[in-house]
Amino acid sequence: MNINGYVPQRKLNNKAIITLQNISNEDICEILYYARDIKRKQAVGEKINCLSGQHVALLTKPAYVRSRVAFQIAVDELGGNPITVSLPGLSIEQELKDPDTTTVMKSFGLSAVVVDTEFLRDAEVLENYSTMPVINANGRNSPCQTLATLLTIWEQKGKLQGLHLAVIGALNNGDYSLIAGAAKCGLDISVICPDGSEPPEDILSYCNQFGYVDVYDNIEDGIRGADVIFIMDHDFDKSFLFTDRYFKYANKDAILLHSMPIRRGVDISEEAINNPHTLIFDQAMNVLPVLKAVLALTVGKFHD
């Protein structure tokens, strides 16, 4: 889908934001447009109080500081009341076995639940129980992380359709949202990884419905002509360590992004992090407007 030809409606078809494979192309565009709109409004000091009077809960682990801070700021700056619930080492399926629990939580006045735990399926499990909207914010398979990446690319390149995205790293269940979302937005994709680490055929077939996906076993070939280079956290050998020298194989105005947390000297060099082409921290900051957009479009009340 060509995002620049889309006309925003300020509504979502799907109120459960679990994976980008289950979100329509239109909903992806809606979220990206409103995230950009939020950034522009807040840059000039305009208040957005679409969550006024609403309570939103984050289910997370005590140590997940980055997601906790982003969630609390997002809800607060939209005028809502953030409630952070720290879970022990149990999955949500174990913690909230009784689906009546979520019904009671809703009756208390809770509007939506954001999930960021160590178990990748927790958001999906909770969505099966819940009568409230559920948003998956897990750092490894979050649609919010991918949408922040797509927003960064759109802001920098002015488009999404027709760009070449090169992804270096180990794609697993937690990372399929990236290539699924990118393919749905019309990007061609190169996945770069050692033999035996390729994404499964069903995922590649799914993505190939929307764009072209190929797999390479070396960085030089995989990033030739790339407009965007994205590095996934991985433990491959040193031949997959991204350094400054690889920029010459991509397009001259290519940008470099990362899944975070950054593992200096393991998947990316210090020099590459400091390169002017690198926009890792811009991308990380875009998680906040994306989360605001998802919350606003999911449970927000608009008055304009």
Protein backbone atom coordinates (compact mmCIF):
# COMPACT_ATOMS: atom_id res chain seq x y z
CA MET A 1 0.00 0.00 0.00
CA ASN A 2 1.21 3.51 -0.85
CA ILE A 3 0.99 5.43 2.42
CA ASN A 4 1.24 8.79 0.65
CA GLY A 5 -1.96 8.05 -1.23
CA TYR A 6 -3.91 7.07 1.87
CA VAL A 7 -6.60 9.33 3.38
CA PRO A 8 -6.72 8.97 7.19
CA GLN A 9 -10.08 8.19 8.81
CA ARG A 10 -8.96 8.46 12.48
CA LYS A 11 -10.29 5.03 13.35
CA LEU A 12 -9.03 1.45 13.43
CA ASN A 13 -10.73 -1.65 12.11
CA ASN A 14 -9.08 -3.84 14.75
CA LYS A 15 -9.03 -2.84 18.42
CA ALA A 16 -6.58 -5.60 19.42
CA ILE A 17 -3.05 -4.68 18.32
CA ILE A 18 -1.19 -7.98 18.67
CA THR A 19 0.92 -8.51 15.53
CA LEU A 20 1.24 -6.67 12.23
CA GLN A 21 0.26 -9.85 10.44
CA ASN A 22 -3.21 -9.44 11.92
CA ILE A 23 -3.51 -5.70 11.31
CA SER A 24 -4.85 -4.37 8.03
CA ASN A 25 -2.79 -2.19 5.75
CA GLU A 26 -5.27 0.61 6.42
CA ASP A 27 -4.77 0.36 10.18
CA ILE A 28 -0.99 0.55 9.75
CA CYS A 29 -1.42 3.77 7.76
CA GLU A 30 -3.87 5.18 10.33
CA ILE A 31 -1.42 4.66 13.17
CA LEU A 32 1.53 6.11 11.26
CA TYR A 33 -0.43 9.18 10.16
CA TYR A 34 -1.72 9.90 13.64
CA ALA A 35 1.70 9.31 15.23
CA ARG A 36 3.12 11.91 12.85
CA ASP A 37 0.22 14.23 13.65
CA ILE A 38 0.83 13.85 17.39
CA LYS A 39 4.51 14.74 16.96
CA ARG A 40 3.64 17.87 15.01
CA LYS A 41 0.99 19.02 17.48
CA GLN A 42 3.11 18.45 20.54
CA ALA A 43 6.10 20.15 18.91
CA VAL A 44 4.11 23.42 18.98
CA GLY A 45 2.77 22.81 22.49
CA GLU A 46 -0.70 21.61 21.57
CA LYS A 47 -2.33 19.38 24.19
CA ILE A 48 -4.04 16.13 23.20
CA ASN A 49 -6.40 14.95 25.93
CA CYS A 50 -8.17 12.13 24.12
CA LEU A 51 -7.65 9.75 27.08
CA SER A 52 -9.06 12.18 29.64
CA GLY A 53 -10.69 10.27 32.50
CA GLN A 54 -9.55 6.89 31.21
CA HIS A 55 -7.43 4.28 33.00
CA VAL A 56 -4.95 2.17 31.01
CA ALA A 57 -2.90 -0.67 32.53
CA LEU A 58 0.56 -1.92 31.63
CA LEU A 59 1.33 -5.52 32.55
CA THR A 60 5.10 -5.85 32.67
CA LYS A 61 8.15 -7.15 34.48
CA PRO A 62 9.74 -5.01 37.21
CA ALA A 63 13.04 -4.71 35.30
CA TYR A 64 11.54 -3.43 32.03
CA VAL A 65 12.34 0.23 32.62
CA ARG A 66 12.25 1.57 29.04
CA SER A 67 8.77 0.27 28.23
CA ARG A 68 7.45 1.35 31.64
CA VAL A 69 8.66 4.93 31.18
CA ALA A 70 7.34 5.16 27.59
CA PHE A 71 3.94 3.80 28.62
CA GLN A 72 3.51 6.11 31.60
CA ILE A 73 4.52 9.19 29.61
CA ALA A 74 2.30 8.21 26.66
CA VAL A 75 -0.85 7.77 28.76
CA ASP A 76 -0.14 10.80 30.94
CA GLU A 77 0.48 13.14 27.99
CA LEU A 78 -2.83 12.03 26.45
CA GLY A 79 -4.61 12.99 29.66
CA GLY A 80 -5.19 9.47 30.96
CA ASN A 81 -4.26 7.61 34.12
CA PRO A 82 -1.46 5.01 33.67
CA ILE A 83 -1.52 1.98 35.97
CA THR A 84 1.60 -0.21 35.97
CA VAL A 85 1.19 -3.79 37.18
CA SER A 86 4.47 -5.63 37.84
CA LEU A 87 4.11 -9.36 37.32
CA PRO A 88 6.26 -12.09 38.86
CA GLY A 89 7.93 -14.79 36.79
CA LEU A 90 4.66 -16.28 35.63
CA SER A 91 3.01 -15.90 32.28
CA ILE A 92 -0.27 -14.02 32.02
CA GLU A 93 -1.99 -17.29 31.22
CA GLN A 94 -0.92 -18.54 34.65
CA GLU A 95 -1.50 -15.24 36.41
CA LEU A 96 -4.93 -14.50 34.92
CA LYS A 97 -6.33 -18.00 34.45
CA ASP A 98 -9.88 -16.88 35.11
CA PRO A 99 -11.29 -14.81 32.22
CA ASP A 100 -13.74 -13.27 34.69
CA THR A 101 -10.77 -11.39 36.16
CA THR A 102 -10.48 -9.19 33.09
CA THR A 103 -14.23 -8.58 33.12
CA VAL A 104 -13.95 -7.32 36.69
CA MET A 105 -10.94 -5.17 35.74
CA LYS A 106 -13.02 -3.57 33.02
CA SER A 107 -15.87 -2.96 35.47
CA PHE A 108 -13.39 -1.09 37.67
CA GLY A 109 -13.04 1.41 34.81
CA LEU A 110 -10.03 0.06 32.94
CA SER A 111 -10.16 0.99 29.24
CA ALA A 112 -7.28 -1.01 27.75
CA VAL A 113 -4.32 -3.23 28.63
CA VAL A 114 -0.77 -2.89 27.30
CA VAL A 115 1.40 -6.02 27.63
CA ASP A 116 5.20 -6.15 27.83
CA THR A 117 6.41 -9.32 29.53
CA GLU A 118 9.10 -11.90 28.79
CA PHE A 119 6.62 -14.33 27.23
CA LEU A 120 5.94 -13.53 23.58
CA ARG A 121 2.42 -14.99 23.51
CA ASP A 122 1.11 -13.20 26.60
CA ALA A 123 -0.67 -10.44 24.66
CA GLU A 124 -2.35 -12.99 22.40
CA VAL A 125 -3.39 -15.12 25.38
CA LEU A 126 -4.81 -12.13 27.23
CA GLU A 127 -6.66 -10.96 24.13
CA ASN A 128 -8.50 -14.29 24.09
CA TYR A 129 -9.69 -13.64 27.65
CA SER A 130 -10.26 -9.91 27.58
CA THR A 131 -13.27 -7.83 26.63
CA MET A 132 -10.96 -4.78 26.60
CA PRO A 133 -8.55 -3.78 23.81
CA VAL A 134 -5.12 -5.41 24.25
CA ILE A 135 -1.92 -3.84 22.85
CA ASN A 136 1.23 -5.92 22.49
CA ALA A 137 4.27 -3.84 23.49
CA ASN A 138 6.75 -6.69 23.89
CA GLY A 139 10.18 -5.51 22.79
CA ARG A 140 10.80 -8.63 20.69
CA ASN A 141 7.56 -8.96 18.72
CA SER A 142 5.81 -5.66 19.22
CA PRO A 143 3.89 -4.04 16.39
CA CYS A 144 4.68 -0.76 18.18
CA GLN A 145 8.42 -1.27 17.66
CA THR A 146 7.95 -1.97 13.96
CA LEU A 147 5.57 0.97 13.54
CA ALA A 148 8.20 3.23 15.14
CA THR A 149 10.71 1.92 12.59
CA LEU A 150 8.29 2.55 9.71
CA LEU A 151 7.54 6.04 11.02
CA THR A 152 11.27 6.82 11.12
CA ILE A 153 11.74 5.59 7.56
CA TRP A 154 8.72 7.57 6.32
CA GLU A 155 9.94 10.75 8.00
CA GLN A 156 13.44 10.38 6.55
CA LYS A 157 12.59 9.12 3.07
CA GLY A 158 9.21 10.71 2.44
CA LYS A 159 7.76 7.39 1.37
CA LEU A 160 7.70 3.68 2.16
CA GLN A 161 6.61 1.96 -1.03
CA GLY A 162 9.47 0.97 -3.33
CA LEU A 163 12.25 1.29 -0.76
CA HIS A 164 14.76 -1.50 -0.11
CA LEU A 165 15.09 -2.65 3.50
CA ALA A 166 18.04 -4.86 4.46
CA VAL A 167 17.65 -6.72 7.78
CA ILE A 168 20.77 -8.21 9.39
CA GLY A 169 20.19 -10.70 12.18
CA ALA A 170 18.31 -13.65 13.56
CA LEU A 171 14.63 -13.38 12.78
CA ASN A 172 12.52 -15.52 15.06
CA ASN A 173 8.97 -15.50 16.38
CA GLY A 174 9.68 -12.18 18.03
CA ASP A 175 10.83 -10.39 14.90
CA TYR A 176 8.37 -11.30 12.18
CA SER A 177 6.35 -8.14 12.75
CA LEU A 178 9.19 -6.15 11.16
CA ILE A 179 9.27 -7.90 7.81
CA ALA A 180 5.48 -8.39 7.76
CA GLY A 181 4.83 -4.70 8.40
CA ALA A 182 7.51 -3.54 5.98
CA ALA A 183 6.22 -5.83 3.24
CA LYS A 184 2.65 -4.60 3.76
CA CYS A 185 3.87 -1.04 3.26
CA GLY A 186 5.48 -1.98 -0.06
CA LEU A 187 9.16 -2.25 0.89
CA ASP A 188 11.35 -4.89 -0.73
CA ILE A 189 13.31 -6.81 1.90
CA SER A 190 16.67 -8.55 2.14
CA VAL A 191 17.16 -10.82 5.15
CA ILE A 192 20.85 -11.35 5.93
CA CYS A 193 21.81 -14.28 8.14
CA PRO A 194 23.92 -17.47 8.16
CA ASP A 195 22.65 -20.62 6.49
CA GLY A 196 20.17 -22.33 8.78
CA SER A 197 18.92 -19.11 10.37
CA GLU A 198 16.48 -18.14 7.63
CA PRO A 199 12.87 -17.23 8.43
CA PRO A 200 10.47 -20.15 7.83
CA GLU A 201 8.89 -20.54 4.42
CA ASP A 202 5.39 -19.65 5.62
CA ILE A 203 6.59 -16.25 6.83
CA LEU A 204 8.49 -15.61 3.60
CA SER A 205 5.44 -16.63 1.56
CA TYR A 206 3.24 -14.32 3.62
CA CYS A 207 5.56 -11.35 3.06
CA ASN A 208 5.94 -12.11 -0.64
CA GLN A 209 2.22 -11.41 -1.06
CA PHE A 210 3.00 -7.73 -0.58
CA GLY A 211 6.62 -7.22 -1.64
CA TYR A 212 9.79 -9.01 -2.61
CA VAL A 213 11.72 -10.84 0.14
CA ASP A 214 15.07 -12.53 -0.44
CA VAL A 215 17.63 -14.15 1.87
CA TYR A 216 21.42 -13.62 1.78
CA ASP A 217 24.24 -15.19 3.77
CA ASN A 218 26.61 -12.18 3.67
CA ILE A 219 26.28 -8.47 4.36
CA GLU A 220 27.89 -7.19 1.15
CA ASP A 221 25.37 -8.82 -1.19
CA GLY A 222 22.37 -8.30 1.08
CA ILE A 223 22.69 -4.53 1.50
CA ARG A 224 23.56 -3.62 -2.08
CA GLY A 225 21.23 -0.81 -3.07
CA ALA A 226 19.58 -0.70 0.35
CA ASP A 227 17.78 2.48 1.43
CA VAL A 228 17.45 1.28 5.01
CA ILE A 229 19.68 -1.08 7.02
CA PHE A 230 18.14 -2.63 10.12
CA ILE A 231 20.24 -4.62 12.59
CA MET A 232 18.62 -7.24 14.78
CA ASP A 233 20.15 -8.35 18.06
CA HIS A 234 22.12 -11.51 17.22
CA ASP A 235 25.04 -13.73 18.25
CA PHE A 236 26.39 -14.55 14.80
CA ASP A 237 30.12 -14.70 14.09
CA LYS A 238 32.19 -11.60 13.39
CA SER A 239 31.43 -11.70 9.67
CA PHE A 240 27.95 -10.37 10.56
CA LEU A 241 29.23 -7.53 12.73
CA PHE A 242 28.12 -4.32 11.01
CA THR A 243 30.94 -1.79 10.70
CA ASP A 244 31.41 1.51 8.91
CA ARG A 245 32.92 -0.15 5.87
CA TYR A 246 29.59 -1.70 4.86
CA PHE A 247 27.89 1.64 4.20
CA LYS A 248 29.60 1.80 0.80
CA TYR A 249 27.52 -1.16 -0.45
CA ALA A 250 24.18 0.52 0.34
CA ASN A 251 22.73 3.61 -1.32
CA LYS A 252 24.67 6.74 -0.43
CA ASP A 253 21.73 8.19 1.57
CA ALA A 254 20.89 4.92 3.35
CA ILE A 255 19.94 5.10 7.03
CA LEU A 256 20.87 2.62 9.76
CA LEU A 257 18.43 1.44 12.45
CA HIS A 258 18.61 -1.12 15.25
CA SER A 259 16.19 -3.27 17.26
CA MET A 260 17.79 -2.21 20.58
CA PRO A 261 19.25 -2.80 23.07
CA ILE A 262 22.51 -2.08 21.26
CA ARG A 263 25.24 -4.69 21.66
CA ARG A 264 28.39 -2.81 20.80
CA GLY A 265 31.05 -4.99 19.22
CA VAL A 266 28.65 -7.94 18.88
CA ASP A 267 26.19 -6.92 16.15
CA ILE A 268 27.34 -3.35 15.46
CA SER A 269 30.59 -1.43 15.89
CA GLU A 270 30.98 1.80 17.87
CA GLU A 271 31.98 3.64 14.69
CA ALA A 272 28.79 2.57 12.91
CA ILE A 273 26.68 3.72 15.86
CA ASN A 274 28.25 7.18 15.63
CA ASN A 275 27.97 7.40 11.84
CA PRO A 276 25.79 10.30 10.53
CA HIS A 277 23.67 7.72 8.68
CA THR A 278 22.67 6.11 11.98
CA LEU A 279 19.25 7.09 13.38
CA ILE A 280 18.90 4.49 16.11
CA PHE A 281 17.91 6.95 18.81
CA ASP A 282 15.44 8.81 16.54
CA GLN A 283 13.83 5.44 15.91
CA ALA A 284 13.74 4.63 19.64
CA MET A 285 12.11 7.99 20.40
CA ASN A 286 9.39 7.28 17.82
CA VAL A 287 8.06 4.44 19.97
CA LEU A 288 6.43 7.09 22.17
CA PRO A 289 4.29 8.83 19.49
CA VAL A 290 3.41 5.44 18.02
CA LEU A 291 2.20 4.15 21.38
CA LYS A 292 0.22 7.38 21.83
CA ALA A 293 -1.34 6.93 18.40
CA VAL A 294 -2.28 3.31 19.09
CA LEU A 295 -3.87 4.23 22.43
CA ALA A 296 -5.65 7.26 20.97
CA LEU A 297 -7.07 5.35 18.02
CA THR A 298 -7.98 2.35 20.14
CA VAL A 299 -9.76 3.94 23.12
CA GLY A 300 -9.38 7.72 22.68
CA LYS A 301 -12.25 10.19 22.42
CA PHE A 302 -11.78 12.87 19.78
CA HIS A 303 -13.52 16.24 19.90
CA ASP A 304 -12.17 17.95 16.81
